Structures are given as C-alpha cells and as structure tokens.
C-alpha cells in the first residue's frame, strides 16, 4: 500500500503485482484548485490574513479491480 497522485507508474506497479493498493489524491484537480485560489487572492481587495480558505479533494482507493485508462494519468497527457 502507498499513496500518490494517480500517476501511471503507480497503476503500472499495481498491474505488475508490486502494489495491492494506492490511496490516490487527484493531483490535476489539486493543481486547478491552487491556481483558482491564486487568481482569487490576487483579485481580492482583502488584506493579507483577512481570509482563510481550505480545499478538500477526494481520495480514491486504486486496486487491480478498478484501475483503467481513465484512472491514472501521465505527465504527457497534462501538457
């Protein structure tokens, strides 16, 4: 068992039998959330420290039974 961002390498290791389970967090979704927060912060008239924000992203349990082409990503797909 390990955790990771859903990278293709992790899914490949599950298929090879090197791992049984990956607790995956959605890295592309987290990147989008961070970018949106940066834009919102830069456009906001609020002073530093006046606003507190938290983002929660879902965790997905990846196993041999549920991995597929839409489950894992590669850096080339995100470029």
Protein backbone atom coordinates (compact mmCIF):
# COMPACT_ATOMS: atom_id res chain seq x y z
CA UNK A 1 0.00 0.00 0.00
CA UNK A 2 1.13 3.52 -0.75
CA UNK A 3 -0.31 6.92 -1.52
CA UNK A 4 0.17 9.02 -4.61
CA UNK A 5 -1.31 11.37 -7.11
CA UNK A 6 -2.69 8.83 -9.55
CA UNK A 7 0.39 8.75 -11.75
CA UNK A 8 0.58 6.00 -14.37
CA UNK A 9 3.67 4.49 -12.72
CA UNK A 10 1.63 3.61 -9.63
CA UNK A 11 -1.06 1.92 -11.72
CA UNK A 12 1.61 0.02 -13.65
CA UNK A 13 3.00 -1.26 -10.34
CA UNK A 14 -0.45 -2.47 -9.29
CA UNK A 15 -0.82 -4.33 -12.60
CA UNK A 16 2.63 -5.92 -12.11
CA UNK A 17 1.63 -7.07 -8.61
CA UNK A 18 4.21 -4.89 -6.86
CA UNK A 19 1.46 -2.96 -5.03
CA UNK A 20 -2.02 -4.01 -3.90
CA UNK A 21 -3.47 -0.59 -3.15
CA UNK A 22 -2.80 3.07 -3.82
CA UNK A 23 -4.65 5.77 -1.92
CA UNK A 24 -4.79 8.31 -4.71
CA UNK A 25 -5.33 12.04 -4.46
CA UNK A 26 -6.25 13.85 -7.66
CA UNK A 27 -3.14 15.92 -8.49
CA UNK A 28 -4.64 17.64 -11.57
CA UNK A 29 -7.70 18.65 -9.51
CA UNK A 30 -5.48 19.96 -6.72
CA UNK A 31 -3.43 21.96 -9.23
CA UNK A 32 -6.59 23.54 -10.63
CA UNK A 33 -7.81 24.42 -7.13
CA UNK A 34 -4.48 26.07 -6.24
CA UNK A 35 -4.48 28.08 -9.48
CA UNK A 36 -8.05 29.25 -8.87
CA UNK A 37 -7.15 30.30 -5.33
CA UNK A 38 -4.14 32.28 -6.55
CA UNK A 39 -6.30 34.17 -9.05
CA UNK A 40 -9.00 34.79 -6.43
CA UNK A 41 -6.42 36.06 -3.93
CA UNK A 42 -4.77 38.39 -6.44
CA UNK A 43 -8.12 39.86 -7.49
CA UNK A 44 -9.48 40.21 -3.96
CA UNK A 45 -9.42 43.56 -2.16
CA UNK A 46 -8.92 41.74 1.17
CA UNK A 47 -5.71 42.41 3.04
CA UNK A 48 -3.24 39.65 3.83
CA UNK A 49 -4.53 37.38 6.58
CA UNK A 50 -8.16 38.55 6.37
CA UNK A 51 -9.37 35.46 4.55
CA UNK A 52 -8.82 31.78 5.30
CA UNK A 53 -9.59 29.11 2.72
CA UNK A 54 -9.47 25.31 2.80
CA UNK A 55 -9.80 22.92 -0.11
CA UNK A 56 -10.63 19.26 0.24
CA UNK A 57 -10.15 16.86 -2.63
CA UNK A 58 -11.42 13.28 -2.71
CA UNK A 59 -9.26 10.24 -2.14
CA UNK A 60 -9.69 7.21 -4.38
CA UNK A 61 -8.62 3.69 -3.49
CA UNK A 62 -6.95 2.20 -6.56
CA UNK A 63 -6.71 -1.59 -6.82
CA UNK A 64 -6.23 -4.13 -9.60
CA UNK A 65 -10.04 -4.33 -9.83
CA UNK A 66 -10.68 -0.66 -10.61
CA UNK A 67 -7.68 0.77 -12.46
CA UNK A 68 -8.12 1.65 -16.11
CA UNK A 69 -7.21 4.20 -18.78
CA UNK A 70 -9.20 7.00 -17.10
CA UNK A 71 -7.94 6.20 -13.59
CA UNK A 72 -4.27 7.12 -13.98
CA UNK A 73 -2.56 9.98 -15.76
CA UNK A 74 0.86 10.67 -17.22
CA UNK A 75 2.68 13.98 -17.41
CA UNK A 76 2.49 13.95 -21.22
CA UNK A 77 -1.33 13.89 -21.01
CA UNK A 78 -1.32 17.04 -18.88
CA UNK A 79 0.97 19.07 -21.15
